[in-house]
Amino acid sequence: MKKIYTTFLVLVSISTLSVLISRNFRPSKMPHGGVDNCASCHVSAGGGGTRTAFGEDVNSLVTAGGTETFWGPNLAAIDSDGDGFTNGQELQDPDGTWIEGTALPGDANAVTNPGDPNDHPPVTSVDNFAELPNEYQLHNNYPNPFNPTTTISFSIPENSNVKLEIYNSVGQLVTQLVNQNYAPGKYTSLWNGRNDFGAKVNSGIYFYRITTNNFAQTNRMVLMK
């Protein structure tokens, strides 16, 4: 009985040590990993247990307890938590070019959690203009074709309620990116190739449509996987 108890304690100790090691080195292998630490990859802020969607993507790139480098352009391009922003955008390294041991990229104060869909940068951003737009415009998305994300920009010359929606090739609503009031300016919104339920959509032709108080326009884009 004593031998069984001793064996059990050894196994528990090994398991605990494995978790502690994981807590120590994984955050250091991603840009600004120290901001959210283990909460980037685990639902529990203390680490261990259930993984976030970002944690699952990281887990697919490493062996159990492994110390492999997992951060790079591919992981940076994914929007793991489905909030409309890629992991790279949330961690201030949109192209995934940061290398462990080098200076951290971007602004640490602007970092958001790539594993938490409720923690993300503003859905839209406004560009500063010397002159405000004098007409409504829905600009071409970039890139196009795209995979997995594309940026859609639009200009409005007056205070307007703006809706920006994505439709599939048969006219069904896929997701609504924007529905709010905006002051005059040029704005951008990122679509992550997912529907309103957070599921990735299939390759194909999609349409993005803007509707305001006095303007409507629809453009075409291609998701290619």
C-alpha atoms as a PDB file:
ATOM      1  CA  MET A   1       0.000   0.000   0.000  1.00  0.00           C
ATOM      2  CA  LYS A   2       2.823   2.330   0.883  1.00  0.00           C
ATOM      3  CA  LYS A   3       4.461   1.635  -2.484  1.00  0.00           C
ATOM      4  CA  ILE A   4       1.258   2.479  -4.355  1.00  0.00           C
ATOM      5  CA  TYR A   5       0.885   5.710  -2.376  1.00  0.00           C
ATOM      6  CA  THR A   6       4.500   6.668  -3.107  1.00  0.00           C
ATOM      7  CA  THR A   7       4.015   5.960  -6.814  1.00  0.00           C
ATOM      8  CA  PHE A   8       0.891   8.118  -6.819  1.00  0.00           C
ATOM      9  CA  LEU A   9       2.737  11.016  -5.217  1.00  0.00           C
ATOM     10  CA  VAL A  10       5.536  10.721  -7.782  1.00  0.00           C
ATOM     11  CA  LEU A  11       3.050  10.817 -10.664  1.00  0.00           C
ATOM     12  CA  VAL A  12       1.271  13.850  -9.192  1.00  0.00           C
ATOM     13  CA  SER A  13       4.599  15.611  -8.703  1.00  0.00           C
ATOM     14  CA  ILE A  14       5.647  14.925 -12.296  1.00  0.00           C
ATOM     15  CA  SER A  15       2.304  16.198 -13.585  1.00  0.00           C
ATOM     16  CA  THR A  16       2.526  19.350 -11.465  1.00  0.00           C
ATOM     17  CA  LEU A  17       6.103  19.973 -12.547  1.00  0.00           C
ATOM     18  CA  SER A  18       5.085  19.586 -16.194  1.00  0.00           C
ATOM     19  CA  VAL A  19       2.369  22.230 -15.776  1.00  0.00           C
ATOM     20  CA  LEU A  20       4.740  24.609 -14.011  1.00  0.00           C
ATOM     21  CA  ILE A  21       7.343  24.223 -16.750  1.00  0.00           C
ATOM     22  CA  SER A  22       4.669  24.867 -19.349  1.00  0.00           C
ATOM     23  CA  ARG A  23       3.601  28.008 -17.495  1.00  0.00           C
ATOM     24  CA  ASN A  24       7.162  29.256 -17.435  1.00  0.00           C
ATOM     25  CA  PHE A  25       8.251  28.873 -21.042  1.00  0.00           C
ATOM     26  CA  ARG A  26       5.170  29.039 -23.292  1.00  0.00           C
ATOM     27  CA  PRO A  27       4.317  32.750 -22.770  1.00  0.00           C
ATOM     28  CA  SER A  28       7.936  33.689 -23.476  1.00  0.00           C
ATOM     29  CA  LYS A  29       7.663  32.111 -26.911  1.00  0.00           C
ATOM     30  CA  MET A  30       5.001  34.514 -28.168  1.00  0.00           C
ATOM     31  CA  PRO A  31       5.223  38.305 -28.562  1.00  0.00           C
ATOM     32  CA  HIS A  32       3.987  40.100 -25.440  1.00  0.00           C
ATOM     33  CA  GLY A  33       3.108  36.722 -23.929  1.00  0.00           C
ATOM     34  CA  GLY A  34       3.647  38.175 -20.478  1.00  0.00           C
ATOM     35  CA  VAL A  35       0.609  40.476 -20.780  1.00  0.00           C
ATOM     36  CA  ASP A  36      -1.970  37.716 -20.311  1.00  0.00           C
ATOM     37  CA  ASN A  37       0.473  34.919 -19.479  1.00  0.00           C
ATOM     38  CA  CYS A  38      -1.256  31.525 -19.222  1.00  0.00           C
ATOM     39  CA  ALA A  39      -4.700  33.073 -19.850  1.00  0.00           C
ATOM     40  CA  SER A  40      -3.752  33.445 -23.512  1.00  0.00           C
ATOM     41  CA  CYS A  41      -3.835  29.676 -23.938  1.00  0.00           C
ATOM     42  CA  HIS A  42      -6.027  28.497 -21.055  1.00  0.00           C
ATOM     43  CA  VAL A  43      -9.479  29.400 -19.792  1.00  0.00           C
ATOM     44  CA  SER A  44      -7.996  29.414 -16.298  1.00  0.00           C
ATOM     45  CA  ALA A  45      -5.687  32.381 -15.775  1.00  0.00           C
ATOM     46  CA  GLY A  46      -3.421  30.104 -13.741  1.00  0.00           C
ATOM     47  CA  GLY A  47      -2.846  27.779 -16.674  1.00  0.00           C
ATOM     48  CA  GLY A  48      -3.547  24.099 -17.116  1.00  0.00           C
ATOM     49  CA  GLY A  49      -6.944  22.596 -17.828  1.00  0.00           C
ATOM     50  CA  THR A  50      -9.201  23.696 -20.672  1.00  0.00           C
ATOM     51  CA  ARG A  51      -7.463  25.536 -23.501  1.00  0.00           C
ATOM     52  CA  THR A  52      -8.752  28.584 -25.324  1.00  0.00           C
ATOM     53  CA  ALA A  53      -9.059  28.408 -29.129  1.00  0.00           C
ATOM     54  CA  PHE A  54      -5.646  30.076 -29.348  1.00  0.00           C
ATOM     55  CA  GLY A  55      -4.280  27.496 -26.931  1.00  0.00           C
ATOM     56  CA  GLU A  56      -5.608  24.722 -29.164  1.00  0.00           C
ATOM     57  CA  ASP A  57      -3.860  26.261 -32.173  1.00  0.00           C
ATOM     58  CA  VAL A  58      -0.623  26.503 -30.197  1.00  0.00           C
ATOM     59  CA  ASN A  59      -1.035  22.926 -28.965  1.00  0.00           C
ATOM     60  CA  SER A  60      -1.301  21.688 -32.554  1.00  0.00           C
ATOM     61  CA  LEU A  61       2.159  23.114 -33.247  1.00  0.00           C
ATOM     62  CA  VAL A  62       4.059  21.547 -30.356  1.00  0.00           C
ATOM     63  CA  THR A  63       4.605  18.138 -28.817  1.00  0.00           C
ATOM     64  CA  ALA A  64       3.412  17.348 -25.304  1.00  0.00           C
ATOM     65  CA  GLY A  65       5.637  19.338 -22.978  1.00  0.00           C
ATOM     66  CA  GLY A  66       7.760  20.312 -25.967  1.00  0.00           C
ATOM     67  CA  THR A  67       9.763  23.517 -26.187  1.00  0.00           C
ATOM     68  CA  GLU A  68       9.421  24.076 -29.932  1.00  0.00           C
ATOM     69  CA  THR A  69       9.099  27.572 -31.343  1.00  0.00           C
ATOM     70  CA  PHE A  70       5.485  27.944 -32.426  1.00  0.00           C
ATOM     71  CA  TRP A  71       5.089  31.659 -33.167  1.00  0.00           C
ATOM     72  CA  GLY A  72       5.393  32.660 -36.813  1.00  0.00           C
ATOM     73  CA  PRO A  73       3.470  34.000 -39.857  1.00  0.00           C
ATOM     74  CA  ASN A  74       1.025  31.081 -39.979  1.00  0.00           C
ATOM     75  CA  LEU A  75      -0.138  31.357 -36.370  1.00  0.00           C
ATOM     76  CA  ALA A  76      -0.125  35.159 -36.594  1.00  0.00           C
ATOM     77  CA  ALA A  77      -2.490  35.050 -39.596  1.00  0.00           C
ATOM     78  CA  ILE A  78      -5.155  33.013 -37.772  1.00  0.00           C
ATOM     79  CA  ASP A  79      -8.007  34.605 -35.841  1.00  0.00           C
ATOM     80  CA  SER A  80      -8.206  31.894 -33.207  1.00  0.00           C
ATOM     81  CA  ASP A  81     -10.918  33.416 -31.026  1.00  0.00           C
ATOM     82  CA  GLY A  82     -13.078  34.646 -33.913  1.00  0.00           C
ATOM     83  CA  ASP A  83     -13.251  38.280 -32.810  1.00  0.00           C
ATOM     84  CA  GLY A  84     -12.330  39.756 -36.204  1.00  0.00           C
ATOM     85  CA  PHE A  85      -8.643  40.276 -35.467  1.00  0.00           C
ATOM     86  CA  THR A  86      -5.778  37.926 -36.214  1.00  0.00           C
ATOM     87  CA  ASN A  87      -3.538  36.634 -33.446  1.00  0.00           C
ATOM     88  CA  GLY A  88      -0.761  38.796 -34.861  1.00  0.00           C
ATOM     89  CA  GLN A  89      -2.874  41.928 -34.739  1.00  0.00           C
ATOM     90  CA  GLU A  90      -3.843  41.231 -31.139  1.00  0.00           C
ATOM     91  CA  LEU A  91      -0.223  40.620 -30.122  1.00  0.00           C
ATOM     92  CA  GLN A  92       1.169  43.631 -32.025  1.00  0.00           C
ATOM     93  CA  ASP A  93       3.027  41.464 -34.555  1.00  0.00           C
ATOM     94  CA  PRO A  94       0.624  41.201 -37.535  1.00  0.00           C
ATOM     95  CA  ASP A  95       3.129  39.538 -39.877  1.00  0.00           C
ATOM     96  CA  GLY A  96       4.422  37.064 -37.295  1.00  0.00           C
ATOM     97  CA  THR A  97       8.042  38.101 -37.782  1.00  0.00           C
ATOM     98  CA  TRP A  98       9.001  38.460 -34.109  1.00  0.00           C
ATOM     99  CA  ILE A  99      11.679  36.028 -32.913  1.00  0.00           C
ATOM    100  CA  GLU A 100      12.154  34.971 -29.301  1.00  0.00           C
ATOM    101  CA  GLY A 101      14.989  36.894 -27.665  1.00  0.00           C
ATOM    102  CA  THR A 102      14.571  40.019 -29.811  1.00  0.00           C
ATOM    103  CA  ALA A 103      12.880  43.307 -28.909  1.00  0.00           C
ATOM    104  CA  LEU A 104       9.113  43.061 -28.521  1.00  0.00           C
ATOM    105  CA  PRO A 105       7.114  44.566 -31.402  1.00  0.00           C
ATOM    106  CA  GLY A 106       4.486  47.297 -31.345  1.00  0.00           C
ATOM    107  CA  ASP A 107       2.902  48.766 -28.238  1.00  0.00           C
ATOM    108  CA  ALA A 108       2.467  46.548 -25.169  1.00  0.00           C
ATOM    109  CA  ASN A 109      -0.428  48.749 -24.002  1.00  0.00           C
ATOM    110  CA  ALA A 110      -2.360  47.879 -27.184  1.00  0.00           C
ATOM    111  CA  VAL A 111      -2.012  44.095 -26.766  1.00  0.00           C
ATOM    112  CA  THR A 112      -5.250  42.115 -26.472  1.00  0.00           C
ATOM    113  CA  ASN A 113      -5.824  38.449 -25.678  1.00  0.00           C
ATOM    114  CA  PRO A 114      -5.844  36.205 -28.793  1.00  0.00           C
ATOM    115  CA  GLY A 115      -7.682  33.535 -26.800  1.00  0.00           C
ATOM    116  CA  ASP A 116     -10.550  35.711 -25.569  1.00  0.00           C
ATOM    117  CA  PRO A 117     -13.219  36.815 -28.107  1.00  0.00           C
ATOM    118  CA  ASN A 118     -14.344  39.554 -25.714  1.00  0.00           C
ATOM    119  CA  ASP A 119     -10.891  41.137 -25.574  1.00  0.00           C
ATOM    120  CA  HIS A 120      -9.938  42.742 -28.862  1.00  0.00           C
ATOM    121  CA  PRO A 121      -9.010  46.066 -30.486  1.00  0.00           C
ATOM    122  CA  PRO A 122     -11.847  48.321 -31.629  1.00  0.00           C
ATOM    123  CA  VAL A 123     -13.793  46.706 -34.475  1.00  0.00           C
ATOM    124  CA  THR A 124     -13.137  49.676 -36.715  1.00  0.00           C
ATOM    125  CA  SER A 125     -10.477  52.335 -36.861  1.00  0.00           C
ATOM    126  CA  VAL A 126     -10.496  55.783 -38.433  1.00  0.00           C
ATOM    127  CA  ASP A 127      -7.706  57.279 -40.500  1.00  0.00           C
ATOM    128  CA  ASN A 128      -6.708  60.886 -39.929  1.00  0.00           C
ATOM    129  CA  PHE A 129      -7.311  63.122 -42.919  1.00  0.00           C
ATOM    130  CA  ALA A 130      -6.154  66.621 -43.711  1.00  0.00           C
ATOM    131  CA  GLU A 131      -9.486  66.814 -45.551  1.00  0.00           C
ATOM    132  CA  LEU A 132     -12.574  64.801 -44.736  1.00  0.00           C
ATOM    133  CA  PRO A 133     -14.196  62.708 -47.494  1.00  0.00           C
ATOM    134  CA  ASN A 134     -16.628  64.591 -49.701  1.00  0.00           C
ATOM    135  CA  GLU A 135     -18.536  61.518 -50.874  1.00  0.00           C
ATOM    136  CA  TYR A 136     -19.596  58.058 -49.791  1.00  0.00           C
ATOM    137  CA  GLN A 137     -17.300  55.269 -50.937  1.00  0.00           C
ATOM    138  CA  LEU A 138     -16.954  51.530 -50.384  1.00  0.00           C
ATOM    139  CA  HIS A 139     -13.356  50.749 -51.265  1.00  0.00           C
ATOM    140  CA  ASN A 140     -11.959  47.496 -52.641  1.00  0.00           C
ATOM    141  CA  ASN A 141     -11.083  45.016 -49.918  1.00  0.00           C
ATOM    142  CA  TYR A 142      -7.455  44.010 -49.473  1.00  0.00           C
ATOM    143  CA  PRO A 143      -6.165  41.431 -50.076  1.00  0.00           C
ATOM    144  CA  ASN A 144      -8.518  39.939 -52.644  1.00  0.00           C
ATOM    145  CA  PRO A 145      -8.513  36.956 -53.055  1.00  0.00           C
ATOM    146  CA  PHE A 146      -7.792  36.420 -49.359  1.00  0.00           C
ATOM    147  CA  ASN A 147      -7.215  33.755 -46.710  1.00  0.00           C
ATOM    148  CA  PRO A 148      -7.984  33.937 -43.844  1.00  0.00           C
ATOM    149  CA  THR A 149      -8.664  37.677 -43.346  1.00  0.00           C
ATOM    150  CA  THR A 150      -9.332  40.740 -45.459  1.00  0.00           C
ATOM    151  CA  THR A 151      -9.689  44.434 -44.694  1.00  0.00           C
ATOM    152  CA  ILE A 152     -12.693  46.437 -45.905  1.00  0.00           C
ATOM    153  CA  SER A 153     -12.602  50.225 -45.843  1.00  0.00           C
ATOM    154  CA  PHE A 154     -15.272  52.841 -46.425  1.00  0.00           C
ATOM    155  CA  SER A 155     -15.556  56.629 -46.446  1.00  0.00           C
ATOM    156  CA  ILE A 156     -18.482  58.718 -45.245  1.00  0.00           C
ATOM    157  CA  PRO A 157     -18.809  62.507 -45.657  1.00  0.00           C
ATOM    158  CA  GLU A 158     -21.401  63.140 -42.931  1.00  0.00           C
ATOM    159  CA  ASN A 159     -22.719  61.682 -39.702  1.00  0.00           C
ATOM    160  CA  SER A 160     -24.412  58.434 -40.660  1.00  0.00           C
ATOM    161  CA  ASN A 161     -25.629  55.136 -39.353  1.00  0.00           C
ATOM    162  CA  VAL A 162     -23.510  52.545 -41.155  1.00  0.00           C
ATOM    163  CA  LYS A 163     -24.200  48.874 -41.724  1.00  0.00           C
ATOM    164  CA  LEU A 164     -21.492  46.676 -43.237  1.00  0.00           C
ATOM    165  CA  GLU A 165     -22.602  43.131 -43.982  1.00  0.00           C
ATOM    166  CA  ILE A 166     -21.211  40.031 -45.687  1.00  0.00           C
ATOM    167  CA  TYR A 167     -23.370  37.876 -47.976  1.00  0.00           C
ATOM    168  CA  ASN A 168     -22.678  34.580 -49.713  1.00  0.00           C
ATOM    169  CA  SER A 169     -23.129  33.923 -53.431  1.00  0.00           C
ATOM    170  CA  VAL A 170     -26.838  33.084 -53.062  1.00  0.00           C
ATOM    171  CA  GLY A 171     -27.620  36.240 -51.119  1.00  0.00           C
ATOM    172  CA  GLN A 172     -27.728  34.814 -47.583  1.00  0.00           C
ATOM    173  CA  LEU A 173     -26.412  37.011 -44.772  1.00  0.00           C
ATOM    174  CA  VAL A 174     -23.161  35.560 -43.410  1.00  0.00           C
ATOM    175  CA  THR A 175     -22.270  38.151 -40.799  1.00  0.00           C
ATOM    176  CA  GLN A 176     -22.729  41.791 -39.885  1.00  0.00           C
ATOM    177  CA  LEU A 177     -19.426  43.559 -39.244  1.00  0.00           C
ATOM    178  CA  VAL A 178     -20.707  47.037 -38.470  1.00  0.00           C
ATOM    179  CA  ASN A 179     -23.983  48.582 -37.349  1.00  0.00           C
ATOM    180  CA  GLN A 180     -23.511  51.937 -35.631  1.00  0.00           C
ATOM    181  CA  ASN A 181     -23.233  55.688 -36.090  1.00  0.00           C
ATOM    182  CA  TYR A 182     -20.042  57.254 -37.445  1.00  0.00           C
ATOM    183  CA  ALA A 183     -18.712  60.755 -37.838  1.00  0.00           C
ATOM    184  CA  PRO A 184     -17.238  61.775 -41.212  1.00  0.00           C
ATOM    185  CA  GLY A 185     -14.015  59.945 -42.036  1.00  0.00           C
ATOM    186  CA  LYS A 186     -12.495  56.823 -43.506  1.00  0.00           C
ATOM    187  CA  TYR A 187     -12.909  53.598 -41.562  1.00  0.00           C
ATOM    188  CA  THR A 188     -11.619  50.044 -41.824  1.00  0.00           C
ATOM    189  CA  SER A 189     -13.082  46.744 -40.668  1.00  0.00           C
ATOM    190  CA  LEU A 190     -11.504  43.302 -40.734  1.00  0.00           C
ATOM    191  CA  TRP A 191     -13.415  40.185 -41.779  1.00  0.00           C
ATOM    192  CA  ASN A 192     -11.974  36.921 -40.505  1.00  0.00           C
ATOM    193  CA  GLY A 193     -13.785  34.555 -42.868  1.00  0.00           C
ATOM    194  CA  ARG A 194     -16.241  33.399 -40.202  1.00  0.00           C
ATOM    195  CA  ASN A 195     -20.012  33.634 -39.877  1.00  0.00           C
ATOM    196  CA  ASP A 196     -22.054  35.049 -36.985  1.00  0.00           C
ATOM    197  CA  PHE A 197     -21.646  31.766 -35.101  1.00  0.00           C
ATOM    198  CA  GLY A 198     -17.841  31.899 -35.288  1.00  0.00           C
ATOM    199  CA  ALA A 199     -17.585  29.042 -37.807  1.00  0.00           C
ATOM    200  CA  LYS A 200     -15.181  29.311 -40.731  1.00  0.00           C
ATOM    201  CA  VAL A 201     -16.989  29.652 -44.052  1.00  0.00           C
ATOM    202  CA  ASN A 202     -16.133  27.762 -47.226  1.00  0.00           C
ATOM    203  CA  SER A 203     -14.030  29.028 -50.107  1.00  0.00           C
ATOM    204  CA  GLY A 204     -16.011  30.939 -52.694  1.00  0.00           C
ATOM    205  CA  ILE A 205     -17.386  34.276 -53.796  1.00  0.00           C
ATOM    206  CA  TYR A 206     -18.751  36.647 -51.162  1.00  0.00           C
ATOM    207  CA  PHE A 207     -20.221  40.133 -51.276  1.00  0.00           C
ATOM    208  CA  TYR A 208     -19.743  42.952 -48.804  1.00  0.00           C
ATOM    209  CA  ARG A 209     -22.444  45.596 -48.697  1.00  0.00           C
ATOM    210  CA  ILE A 210     -22.512  48.994 -47.035  1.00  0.00           C
ATOM    211  CA  THR A 211     -25.786  50.736 -46.257  1.00  0.00           C
ATOM    212  CA  THR A 212     -26.097  54.252 -44.805  1.00  0.00           C
ATOM    213  CA  ASN A 213     -28.864  56.830 -44.557  1.00  0.00           C
ATOM    214  CA  ASN A 214     -28.174  58.038 -48.112  1.00  0.00           C
ATOM    215  CA  PHE A 215     -25.968  55.432 -49.774  1.00  0.00           C
ATOM    216  CA  ALA A 216     -25.684  51.742 -50.570  1.00  0.00           C
ATOM    217  CA  GLN A 217     -23.068  49.773 -52.478  1.00  0.00           C
ATOM    218  CA  THR A 218     -22.028  46.152 -52.867  1.00  0.00           C
ATOM    219  CA  ASN A 219     -18.594  44.818 -53.857  1.00  0.00           C
ATOM    220  CA  ARG A 220     -17.361  41.309 -54.625  1.00  0.00           C
ATOM    221  CA  MET A 221     -14.529  39.363 -52.977  1.00  0.00           C
ATOM    222  CA  VAL A 222     -13.098  35.841 -53.109  1.00  0.00           C
ATOM    223  CA  LEU A 223     -12.130  33.633 -50.180  1.00  0.00           C
ATOM    224  CA  MET A 224      -9.577  31.119 -51.434  1.00  0.00           C
ATOM    225  CA  LYS A 225      -8.242  28.382 -49.125  1.00  0.00           C
END
